[in-house]
Protein backbone atom coordinates (compact mmCIF):
# COMPACT_ATOMS: atom_id res chain seq x y z
CA MET A 1 -32.34 3.70 0.67
CA ASN A 2 -30.58 6.67 0.48
CA LYS A 3 -28.95 7.87 -2.69
CA GLN A 4 -25.66 7.98 -1.20
CA ILE A 5 -25.90 4.22 -0.39
CA LYS A 6 -27.25 3.56 -3.76
CA TYR A 7 -24.53 5.34 -5.35
CA ILE A 8 -21.78 3.38 -3.43
CA LEU A 9 -23.45 -0.17 -4.16
CA SER A 10 -23.21 0.50 -7.86
CA LEU A 11 -19.74 1.32 -7.39
CA MET A 12 -19.27 -2.04 -5.44
CA LEU A 13 -20.73 -3.95 -8.74
CA MET A 14 -18.16 -2.01 -10.73
CA VAL A 15 -15.25 -2.90 -8.49
CA SER A 16 -16.28 -6.66 -7.96
CA LEU A 17 -16.55 -7.14 -11.86
CA GLY A 18 -13.10 -5.36 -12.49
CA SER A 19 -11.22 -6.91 -9.59
CA CYS A 20 -7.73 -8.37 -10.45
CA THR A 21 -6.71 -9.41 -7.15
CA LYS A 22 -7.09 -12.68 -5.31
CA ASN A 23 -9.75 -14.32 -3.26
CA PHE A 24 -12.20 -11.53 -2.53
CA ASP A 25 -15.15 -12.95 -0.72
CA GLU A 26 -18.61 -11.71 -1.96
CA LEU A 27 -19.28 -8.07 -1.42
CA ASN A 28 -22.04 -7.58 0.88
CA THR A 29 -25.02 -5.48 -1.27
CA ASP A 30 -27.85 -5.34 1.18
CA PRO A 31 -27.03 -3.03 4.22
CA ALA A 32 -30.76 -1.72 3.97
CA SER A 33 -31.59 -4.94 6.07
CA LEU A 34 -29.39 -3.53 8.90
CA THR A 35 -30.46 0.06 8.89
CA GLU A 36 -34.01 -1.03 9.15
CA ALA A 37 -33.35 -3.26 12.23
CA GLY A 38 -34.08 -2.28 15.74
CA LYS A 39 -32.46 -2.48 19.26
CA ARG A 40 -32.29 -6.38 19.21
CA GLU A 41 -29.93 -6.47 16.38
CA MET A 42 -27.67 -3.73 17.65
CA PRO A 43 -25.09 -5.94 19.14
CA PHE A 44 -24.68 -7.52 15.71
CA MET A 45 -24.68 -4.26 13.88
CA PHE A 46 -21.97 -2.93 16.26
CA SER A 47 -19.91 -6.24 15.50
CA ARG A 48 -20.29 -5.66 11.63
CA ALA A 49 -19.36 -1.88 12.02
CA GLN A 50 -16.30 -2.83 14.13
CA SER A 51 -14.91 -5.45 11.44
CA ALA A 52 -15.58 -3.23 8.64
CA ALA A 53 -13.79 -0.11 10.11
CA ALA A 54 -10.81 -2.26 11.00
CA ILE A 55 -10.78 -3.35 7.25
CA ASN A 56 -11.29 -7.24 7.13
CA GLN A 57 -9.83 -9.57 4.75
CA SER A 58 -12.10 -8.89 1.83
CA TYR A 59 -10.90 -5.30 1.56
CA TYR A 60 -7.39 -5.27 2.99
CA GLN A 61 -5.35 -5.64 -0.08
CA THR A 62 -6.81 -2.84 -1.91
CA VAL A 63 -7.70 -0.62 0.68
CA GLN A 64 -4.50 -0.71 2.95
CA ASN A 65 -1.97 -3.08 1.80
CA LEU A 66 -1.47 -1.69 -1.83
CA TYR A 67 -1.68 1.97 -0.59
CA ALA A 68 -0.95 2.72 3.15
CA ASP A 69 1.27 -0.12 3.94
CA LEU A 70 3.43 0.87 1.16
CA TYR A 71 3.58 4.47 1.67
CA ALA A 72 4.33 3.94 5.28
CA GLN A 73 7.26 1.80 4.06
CA TYR A 74 6.49 -1.13 6.30
CA PHE A 75 6.53 -3.20 2.99
CA ALA A 76 7.49 -2.97 -0.61
CA LEU A 77 6.14 -4.87 -3.43
CA SER A 78 7.92 -7.92 -4.92
CA THR A 79 5.54 -8.37 -7.70
CA THR A 80 5.39 -6.44 -11.12
CA SER A 81 1.52 -7.23 -11.00
CA PHE A 82 0.69 -3.83 -9.21
CA GLN A 83 2.23 -0.23 -9.70
CA THR A 84 0.92 1.50 -6.49
CA ASP A 85 4.37 1.46 -4.98
CA ARG A 86 5.55 3.63 -7.96
CA TYR A 87 2.73 5.97 -6.92
CA VAL A 88 0.56 4.70 -9.82
CA ILE A 89 -3.09 5.11 -8.47
CA ASN A 90 -5.72 2.44 -9.33
CA ASP A 91 -8.83 4.31 -9.88
CA GLY A 92 -10.72 1.20 -9.75
CA TRP A 93 -9.69 0.62 -5.98
CA LEU A 94 -10.37 4.16 -4.89
CA PRO A 95 -14.01 3.88 -4.18
CA ARG A 96 -13.70 0.87 -1.70
CA PRO A 97 -12.33 3.21 1.41
CA GLY A 98 -15.94 4.71 0.76
CA ILE A 99 -17.83 1.39 0.60
CA ILE A 100 -16.31 0.65 3.81
CA ALA A 101 -17.50 3.81 5.46
CA TYR A 102 -20.80 4.49 3.89
CA VAL A 103 -22.03 1.09 3.52
CA GLN A 104 -20.41 -1.13 6.04
CA VAL A 105 -19.97 1.15 9.08
CA VAL A 106 -22.36 4.19 8.78
CA PRO A 107 -25.76 2.46 8.38
CA GLN A 108 -25.06 0.34 11.55
CA LEU A 109 -23.82 3.02 13.49
CA ARG A 110 -26.59 5.45 12.41
CA SER A 111 -29.12 2.55 13.42
CA ILE A 112 -27.62 2.63 17.07
CA PHE A 113 -27.70 6.36 17.27
CA GLU A 114 -31.33 6.11 16.14
CA ASN A 115 -32.35 3.35 18.41
CA THR A 116 -30.55 4.62 21.78
CA ASP A 117 -30.49 7.49 23.98
CA SER A 118 -27.57 9.90 23.30
CA THR A 119 -26.49 9.24 27.09
CA SER A 120 -26.22 5.35 26.68
CA GLY A 121 -23.39 3.23 26.69
CA GLU A 122 -24.28 2.01 23.36
CA TYR A 123 -24.34 5.62 21.91
CA ALA A 124 -21.04 6.11 23.08
CA LEU A 125 -19.29 3.06 21.58
CA ALA A 126 -20.87 3.92 18.45
CA GLU A 127 -19.32 7.22 18.55
CA ILE A 128 -16.12 6.02 19.35
CA MET A 129 -16.19 3.70 16.25
CA TRP A 130 -17.76 6.30 13.96
CA VAL A 131 -14.50 8.51 14.75
CA TYR A 132 -12.01 5.50 14.28
CA ALA A 133 -13.52 4.71 10.74
CA PHE A 134 -13.97 8.36 9.51
CA HIS A 135 -10.41 9.24 10.70
CA HIS A 136 -8.97 6.65 8.47
CA LEU A 137 -11.20 7.90 5.38
CA THR A 138 -10.52 11.64 5.73
CA ASP A 139 -6.88 11.38 6.18
CA TYR A 140 -6.89 9.25 3.27
CA PHE A 141 -8.61 11.84 0.97
CA GLY A 142 -9.27 15.09 2.73
CA PRO A 143 -12.63 16.56 2.70
CA VAL A 144 -15.33 13.78 2.51
CA ALA A 145 -19.12 13.52 3.01
CA TYR A 146 -19.22 13.19 7.04
CA PHE A 147 -21.95 15.33 8.69
CA ASP A 148 -24.79 13.94 6.54
CA ALA A 149 -23.35 10.42 5.89
CA GLY A 150 -25.86 7.85 5.82
CA LYS A 151 -28.87 10.47 5.78
CA ALA A 152 -31.35 10.29 2.74
CA GLN A 153 -30.07 13.01 0.20
CA ASP A 154 -29.97 13.92 -3.46
CA ALA A 155 -26.27 14.87 -3.53
CA ILE A 156 -23.27 13.99 -1.48
CA ALA A 157 -22.05 17.07 0.06
CA TYR A 158 -18.34 17.29 1.21
CA ASP A 159 -16.95 18.72 4.54
CA PRO A 160 -13.82 20.43 5.37
CA GLN A 161 -11.28 18.43 7.30
CA ASP A 162 -11.09 20.99 10.05
CA LYS A 163 -14.71 20.61 10.79
CA ILE A 164 -14.49 17.00 10.61
CA TYR A 165 -11.75 16.90 13.23
CA ASP A 166 -13.49 19.40 15.49
CA ASP A 167 -16.47 16.90 15.60
CA PHE A 168 -14.18 14.10 16.24
CA PHE A 169 -12.82 15.74 19.34
CA LYS A 170 -16.32 16.50 20.56
CA ARG A 171 -17.67 12.92 19.93
CA LEU A 172 -14.98 11.51 21.87
CA ASP A 173 -15.39 13.85 24.53
CA HIS A 174 -19.11 13.04 24.53
CA ALA A 175 -18.63 9.52 24.56
CA VAL A 176 -15.91 9.21 27.30
CA LYS A 177 -18.10 11.47 29.78
CA ASN A 178 -21.16 8.98 29.12
CA LEU A 179 -19.08 6.04 29.74
CA LYS A 180 -17.86 7.54 32.91
CA GLN A 181 -21.14 8.79 34.19
CA GLY A 182 -23.17 5.69 33.02
CA PRO A 183 -24.26 2.67 34.95
CA ALA A 184 -23.24 0.20 32.40
CA THR A 185 -19.79 -1.80 32.95
CA ASN A 186 -20.39 -4.03 29.98
CA ILE A 187 -21.69 -3.06 26.56
CA PHE A 188 -22.65 -5.29 23.84
CA GLY A 189 -20.80 -8.17 25.38
CA THR A 190 -18.97 -10.72 23.46
CA TYR A 191 -20.47 -8.86 20.41
CA ASP A 192 -17.74 -6.30 20.75
CA LEU A 193 -14.97 -7.92 18.96
CA ILE A 194 -12.19 -5.85 20.73
CA TYR A 195 -13.06 -5.45 24.44
CA LYS A 196 -15.79 -7.73 25.04
CA GLY A 197 -17.89 -4.84 26.26
CA ASP A 198 -15.33 -3.51 28.86
CA VAL A 199 -16.35 0.04 29.56
CA GLN A 200 -12.92 0.94 31.25
CA GLN A 201 -11.07 -0.48 28.21
CA TRP A 202 -13.29 1.70 25.92
CA ILE A 203 -12.42 4.87 27.99
CA ARG A 204 -8.77 4.20 27.63
CA PHE A 205 -9.16 3.55 23.59
CA ALA A 206 -11.20 6.70 23.13
CA ASN A 207 -8.88 8.81 25.02
CA THR A 208 -5.91 7.43 23.28
CA LEU A 209 -7.57 8.03 19.92
CA ARG A 210 -8.30 11.50 21.16
CA LEU A 211 -4.60 11.97 21.84
CA ARG A 212 -3.36 10.47 18.30
CA LEU A 213 -5.81 13.00 16.72
CA ALA A 214 -4.80 15.88 18.92
CA LEU A 215 -1.04 15.29 17.64
CA ARG A 216 -2.34 15.08 14.21
CA VAL A 217 -3.43 18.62 14.24
CA SER A 218 -0.52 19.96 16.39
CA LYS A 219 1.02 21.88 13.54
CA VAL A 220 -2.00 23.49 12.16
CA ASP A 221 -3.98 24.31 15.46
CA PRO A 222 -1.51 23.92 18.16
CA ALA A 223 -3.64 25.37 20.77
CA ARG A 224 -6.51 22.94 19.99
CA ALA A 225 -4.24 20.09 19.99
CA LYS A 226 -2.66 20.98 23.59
CA GLN A 227 -6.33 21.35 25.00
CA GLU A 228 -7.27 17.86 23.39
CA ALA A 229 -4.08 16.14 24.24
CA GLU A 230 -4.16 17.25 27.95
CA ALA A 231 -7.73 16.36 28.22
CA ALA A 232 -7.06 12.84 27.04
CA VAL A 233 -4.23 12.17 29.23
CA THR A 234 -5.98 13.35 32.08
CA GLY A 235 -8.90 11.24 31.29
CA GLY A 236 -6.91 8.31 31.06
CA VAL A 237 -5.05 6.63 27.90
CA MET A 238 -3.56 3.21 27.49
CA THR A 239 -0.62 2.51 29.61
CA GLU A 240 -0.17 -1.24 29.82
CA ILE A 241 -0.22 -4.14 27.26
CA SER A 242 -3.34 -5.23 28.44
CA HIS A 243 -4.77 -2.07 27.33
CA SER A 244 -3.99 -2.78 23.65
CA ALA A 245 -6.79 -3.11 21.20
CA ARG A 246 -6.91 -6.42 19.27
CA MET A 247 -9.97 -7.42 17.25
CA GLU A 248 -10.86 -10.88 17.39
CA LYS A 249 -11.01 -12.54 13.74
CA SER A 250 -12.76 -15.43 12.37
CA LEU A 251 -13.00 -17.88 9.44
CA GLU A 252 -16.59 -17.17 9.19
CA GLY A 253 -18.04 -14.74 6.87
CA GLY A 254 -14.82 -13.43 5.35
CA ASP A 255 -13.63 -11.95 8.60
CA GLY A 256 -10.12 -13.14 8.70
CA ASN A 257 -7.18 -11.24 9.28
CA GLY A 258 -6.38 -9.07 6.19
CA LEU A 259 -2.64 -8.82 6.60
CA ALA A 260 -2.67 -12.71 7.03
CA ARG A 261 -4.40 -13.22 3.90
CA VAL A 262 -2.34 -11.16 1.69
CA ALA A 263 0.92 -12.32 3.15
CA SER A 264 0.01 -15.80 2.12
CA TYR A 265 0.01 -14.21 -1.46
CA ASN A 266 3.81 -13.54 -0.97
CA GLU A 267 3.63 -10.48 -3.19
CA PHE A 268 5.56 -8.25 -0.66
CA SER A 269 8.54 -7.81 1.18
CA MET A 270 9.88 -6.17 4.17
CA SER A 271 10.80 -2.71 2.88
CA SER A 272 14.60 -1.60 2.60
CA THR A 273 13.47 1.09 5.06
CA MET A 274 12.41 -1.24 7.67
CA ALA A 275 15.42 -3.31 6.96
CA SER A 276 17.89 -0.59 7.35
CA TYR A 277 16.33 0.50 10.98
CA LEU A 278 15.63 -3.19 12.21
CA LYS A 279 19.21 -4.63 11.16
CA GLY A 280 21.09 -1.46 12.30
CA TYR A 281 19.38 -1.53 15.77
CA ASN A 282 19.71 -5.08 16.14
CA ASP A 283 16.18 -4.87 16.82
CA PRO A 284 14.66 -7.85 18.68
CA ARG A 285 11.11 -7.32 17.02
CA MET A 286 12.61 -8.01 13.65
CA GLU A 287 12.13 -11.89 13.82
CA ILE A 288 8.61 -11.20 14.89
CA PHE A 289 7.76 -8.68 12.40
CA PHE A 290 9.24 -10.42 9.42
CA GLN A 291 10.61 -14.10 8.37
CA PRO A 292 13.92 -14.66 6.97
CA ALA A 293 14.06 -15.40 3.13
CA VAL A 294 12.90 -18.92 2.34
CA ALA A 295 15.95 -19.47 0.08
CA SER A 296 18.65 -18.02 1.82
CA GLY A 297 17.76 -17.67 5.64
CA ALA A 298 18.57 -14.16 5.54
CA PHE A 299 16.45 -10.87 6.31
CA ARG A 300 16.28 -9.07 3.15
CA GLY A 301 14.29 -6.05 2.02
CA VAL A 302 13.16 -4.61 -1.22
CA ARG A 303 13.21 -0.83 -2.02
CA ASN A 304 9.90 0.92 -2.33
CA GLY A 305 9.09 1.91 -5.92
CA SER A 306 11.36 -0.91 -7.45
CA SER A 307 11.18 -0.84 -11.34
CA PRO A 308 9.99 -3.99 -12.99
CA ALA A 309 13.59 -4.72 -14.07
CA ALA A 310 14.66 -4.41 -10.46
CA ILE A 311 11.89 -6.55 -9.09
CA ASN A 312 12.69 -9.28 -11.84
CA LYS A 313 16.38 -9.79 -10.59
CA PRO A 314 17.01 -12.88 -8.69
CA LEU A 315 17.39 -11.32 -5.11
CA ASN A 316 14.18 -9.55 -5.22
CA GLN A 317 12.16 -12.61 -6.05
CA PRO A 318 9.90 -13.45 -3.06
CA ALA A 319 11.83 -16.59 -1.97
CA GLU A 320 14.90 -14.29 -1.50
CA THR A 321 13.06 -11.42 0.66
CA SER A 322 11.20 -11.38 4.00
CA ASN A 323 7.71 -11.94 4.31
CA ALA A 324 5.46 -10.69 7.30
CA GLY A 325 6.32 -12.78 10.53
CA GLU A 326 4.72 -16.06 11.33
CA TYR A 327 2.02 -14.29 13.29
CA TRP A 328 0.56 -13.73 10.13
CA ALA A 329 1.80 -16.36 7.80
CA ILE A 330 3.68 -19.49 8.17
CA TRP A 331 5.69 -21.17 5.32
CA ASN A 332 4.58 -24.93 4.49
CA SER A 333 7.79 -26.41 3.43
CA ASP A 334 6.13 -29.61 1.92
CA GLY A 335 3.51 -27.69 -0.01
CA LYS A 336 5.91 -24.88 -0.93
CA SER A 337 3.31 -22.37 0.00
CA TRP A 338 2.23 -19.71 2.62
CA LEU A 339 -0.39 -20.79 5.18
CA PRO A 340 -2.36 -17.52 6.39
CA GLN A 341 -2.93 -17.11 10.20
CA LEU A 342 -6.68 -15.85 9.44
CA GLU A 343 -7.78 -16.14 12.98
CA ALA A 344 -4.71 -14.03 14.44
CA PRO A 345 -6.33 -11.05 16.10
CA LYS A 346 -6.00 -7.76 14.24
CA HIS A 347 -3.81 -5.10 15.88
CA VAL A 348 -6.25 -1.91 15.99
CA MET A 349 -4.09 0.07 18.39
CA LEU A 350 -1.27 -0.70 20.74
CA ALA A 351 -0.49 0.79 23.97
CA ALA A 352 2.83 1.78 23.34
CA GLU A 353 1.71 4.41 20.83
CA ALA A 354 0.18 6.30 23.70
CA TRP A 355 3.73 6.71 25.36
CA PHE A 356 5.07 8.02 22.31
CA LEU A 357 2.36 10.48 21.63
CA ARG A 358 2.84 11.72 25.30
CA ALA A 359 6.54 11.88 24.51
CA GLU A 360 5.99 14.19 21.74
CA GLY A 361 3.47 16.34 23.48
CA ALA A 362 6.09 16.79 26.37
CA MET A 363 8.30 18.07 23.80
CA ASN A 364 5.66 20.41 22.91
CA GLY A 365 5.64 21.86 26.44
CA TRP A 366 2.11 19.87 27.05
CA ASN A 367 1.45 18.23 30.58
CA MET A 368 1.72 14.79 29.53
CA GLY A 369 2.51 13.50 33.00
CA GLY A 370 6.31 12.68 32.60
CA THR A 371 9.44 13.86 30.60
CA ALA A 372 9.98 13.38 26.85
CA GLN A 373 12.61 10.84 27.56
CA SER A 374 10.89 8.98 30.38
CA LEU A 375 7.87 8.75 28.09
CA TYR A 376 9.91 7.86 25.25
CA GLU A 377 11.77 4.97 27.02
CA LYS A 378 8.56 3.60 28.34
CA GLY A 379 7.12 3.61 24.81
CA ILE A 380 10.04 1.32 23.75
CA GLU A 381 9.53 -1.10 26.72
CA THR A 382 5.85 -1.30 26.15
CA SER A 383 6.23 -2.20 22.58
CA MET A 384 9.01 -4.91 23.41
CA LEU A 385 6.61 -6.40 26.21
CA ASP A 386 3.52 -6.31 23.71
CA TRP A 387 5.35 -8.33 21.13
CA GLY A 388 6.52 -10.98 23.93
CA ILE A 389 10.04 -9.47 24.31
CA LYS A 390 10.05 -9.75 28.26
CA ASP A 391 13.98 -9.85 28.99
CA GLN A 392 14.36 -6.61 30.87
CA ALA A 393 18.13 -6.81 30.12
CA ILE A 394 17.40 -7.15 26.00
CA ILE A 395 14.84 -4.09 26.59
CA ASN A 396 17.35 -1.80 28.45
CA ALA A 397 20.50 -2.76 26.17
CA TYR A 398 18.04 -1.62 23.28
CA THR A 399 17.00 1.63 24.88
CA GLN A 400 20.63 2.79 25.54
CA SER A 401 21.99 1.50 22.32
CA THR A 402 23.99 4.11 20.21
CA ALA A 403 23.66 1.94 16.99
CA VAL A 404 22.31 3.39 13.94
CA PRO A 405 20.51 2.06 11.03
CA VAL A 406 22.85 0.21 8.27
CA ALA A 407 22.81 -0.43 4.71
CA PRO A 408 19.89 -2.76 4.18
CA ASP A 409 21.86 -4.86 1.68
CA ASP A 410 19.23 -4.43 -1.10
CA VAL A 411 19.45 -4.73 -5.01
CA GLU A 412 19.55 -0.84 -5.10
CA ASN A 413 22.52 -0.85 -3.00
CA SER A 414 21.14 1.63 -0.60
CA PRO A 415 23.09 3.39 2.02
CA ALA A 416 21.69 3.69 5.49
CA VAL A 417 18.64 5.30 5.48
CA ALA A 418 19.44 7.54 8.51
CA ASN A 419 21.92 8.12 11.26
CA ILE A 420 19.86 8.11 14.24
CA PRO A 421 20.43 6.00 17.38
CA VAL A 422 17.80 4.47 19.97
CA LYS A 423 19.39 6.19 22.85
CA PHE A 424 17.65 9.57 23.67
CA GLY A 425 19.69 12.21 22.31
CA THR A 426 20.30 15.84 23.69
CA ALA A 427 19.18 18.03 20.91
CA ALA A 428 15.51 18.69 20.47
CA ALA A 429 15.39 17.85 16.73
CA ILE A 430 17.32 14.54 17.29
CA GLN A 431 14.68 13.73 20.25
CA ARG A 432 11.68 14.31 17.82
CA GLN A 433 13.17 12.30 15.17
CA GLN A 434 13.79 9.37 17.77
CA ILE A 435 10.30 9.57 19.03
CA GLY A 436 8.92 9.54 15.35
CA THR A 437 11.22 6.67 14.35
CA GLN A 438 10.31 4.52 17.37
CA LYS A 439 6.72 5.14 17.24
CA TRP A 440 6.51 3.95 13.37
CA LEU A 441 8.30 0.66 14.62
CA ALA A 442 6.01 0.38 17.68
CA ILE A 443 2.56 0.85 15.74
CA TYR A 444 3.73 -1.50 12.83
CA PRO A 445 1.83 -2.97 10.80
CA ASP A 446 -0.65 -0.01 11.06
CA GLY A 447 0.11 1.37 7.72
CA MET A 448 -2.87 3.90 7.71
CA GLU A 449 -1.36 5.45 10.86
CA GLY A 450 2.22 5.06 9.85
CA TRP A 451 1.63 6.87 6.45
CA ALA A 452 -0.51 9.56 8.21
CA GLU A 453 2.20 10.42 10.96
CA TYR A 454 4.85 10.37 8.22
CA ARG A 455 3.00 13.02 6.40
CA ARG A 456 2.55 14.89 9.60
CA SER A 457 5.89 14.49 11.23
CA GLY A 458 8.21 13.76 8.50
CA TYR A 459 9.48 10.85 10.43
CA PRO A 460 11.14 8.50 10.19
CA VAL A 461 13.54 9.28 7.49
CA MET A 462 12.48 7.11 4.64
CA TYR A 463 14.15 6.40 1.22
CA PRO A 464 12.45 8.13 -1.64
CA VAL A 465 10.93 5.65 -3.99
CA ALA A 466 13.42 4.24 -6.49
CA GLN A 467 10.93 5.11 -9.32
CA SER A 468 8.01 7.20 -9.49
CA ASN A 469 5.39 6.73 -12.50
CA ASN A 470 3.23 9.36 -11.14
CA SER A 471 3.99 12.86 -12.98
CA ASP A 472 2.56 14.68 -10.13
CA LEU A 473 5.26 13.17 -7.68
CA PRO A 474 8.54 13.67 -9.36
CA ALA A 475 11.87 11.71 -7.99
CA GLY A 476 12.47 12.71 -4.22
CA THR A 477 8.85 13.58 -3.30
CA PHE A 478 6.48 11.68 -1.41
CA ILE A 479 2.73 10.79 -1.90
CA LYS A 480 0.35 12.96 0.37
CA ARG A 481 -2.97 11.66 -0.21
CA LEU A 482 -5.19 9.70 -2.57
CA PRO A 483 -7.28 11.33 -5.43
CA TYR A 484 -11.15 11.08 -5.45
CA PRO A 485 -12.33 8.22 -7.64
CA THR A 486 -13.10 9.48 -11.01
CA ALA A 487 -16.66 8.07 -11.03
CA GLU A 488 -17.54 11.07 -8.66
CA ALA A 489 -17.23 13.44 -11.59
CA THR A 490 -19.93 11.78 -13.57
CA THR A 491 -22.24 11.03 -10.50
CA ASN A 492 -21.54 13.75 -8.11
CA ALA A 493 -19.82 16.40 -9.96
CA VAL A 494 -21.17 19.71 -8.35
CA GLU A 495 -20.39 18.37 -4.87
CA LEU A 496 -16.97 17.16 -5.82
CA LYS A 497 -15.98 20.43 -7.23
CA LYS A 498 -16.85 22.00 -3.70
CA GLY A 499 -15.02 19.37 -2.17
CA ILE A 500 -11.95 20.16 -4.25
CA ALA A 501 -12.08 23.83 -3.37
CA LEU A 502 -12.22 22.69 0.37
CA LEU A 503 -9.17 20.63 -0.32
CA GLY A 504 -7.25 23.88 -1.38
CA GLY A 505 -5.31 22.39 -4.27
CA PRO A 506 -5.78 20.23 -7.23
CA ASP A 507 -7.25 16.59 -6.93
CA ASN A 508 -4.00 14.72 -6.97
CA ALA A 509 -1.73 12.60 -4.75
CA ALA A 510 0.72 15.56 -4.35
CA THR A 511 -1.75 17.98 -2.60
CA ARG A 512 -1.24 18.20 1.19
CA LEU A 513 -4.13 17.67 3.68
CA TRP A 514 -5.22 20.28 6.01
CA TRP A 515 -3.22 19.09 8.88
CA ASP A 516 -0.04 18.39 6.65
CA VAL A 517 1.91 21.66 6.87
CA GLU A 518 5.66 22.44 6.69
């Protein structure tokens, strides 16, 4: 087994021994059995890589929920047990995104690469999942080990983020061309947890991911962004709710819905930012995204970064705030507990996102197949339909609404977070803010993408955290990345130093990533 994987496995042991979170399933510590497998095992390996890349319940809490979900301000903590909402980084959790990538995803996908022809459909799907997994990892940290990931090596070299993104685009282009030219119409069959092997669906997914990544680099490399975005739209992106990517979840093997699991702990609430937008817009999705407080029946949020004293106030107690919607957890009034809906499919990427990405691209002057307004309004409609809101009169009224966010009625007595209506404006700056705001609502609960896009675009407008306990992030500033695990300094010091040099700033939470420019 290569030294990179051995290193990650040693971290897994430390993490599992030091965990303070609830109900973690046993961590897999034998990926070698998969990397040594052959073609017969490829469908299973693909399933395993898919599940891990989308962050299953074993890792969801400490990889996504207590970081990106909070920093996207979809949720805010209603417990004093954790401090990440106040920007205190838990170093013990920082190796876990790498465990997902380098132990649970990379060995499986590398085995598929090594056992298939590079023009095959299996290779293409593995390339798409490779990009999906690594765009999460690099957008958390910045430079990471990428090109030699999973290969036998004595040291773990970091790669610059611009080179990683360049490879993302090349891989997605290669994968789509192979899928379009290949004879296969179904790949991996039922082992494909998202599309059951449907090649046309995978083409749309890959192109939509390419469009997402094109917008990500649009400020730092606008020419390349335009090229990639237009190629993605020409190649065919998601347009209908039937194209949305949802991953099958199971009660077996710890593969349940991660958000459902943590929602059952009832340690977070709807954020005040979400409450301000959803209440002000009278958004019909609010009752789907969240639930009224058990004690009062009212929708209530909590301000991100609330101090322990504020969290301990009666109106910030879990019974007085809004948990995630019934899709993820159902209140058992007899047992006084939350029942996790572990078999609820995981939202991987929804079709509405593609419409909003195209709307922003149109604002940039790119050929996106429509005007910014028409694409924006189609994004709203598609999101509503995807969440079961099918009354066209309701959708039209929302799209044309001049209502604006309101004070969320939180413990902090926060004012309205912004003053931006839903109805498409006339000024370009307002239009960009509207597109960013509605996209943020539409991609809920994908905190990883929500946080990344907030860092890139600055939208939606959010409340500063009520209290920051991180000296690198003074009051009024927002977190930009996760620092590297301190274990790297003892096990991979030389390459870590090179990686920090590639980062272009200190290894802390205030340093911007390559694509995050003013």
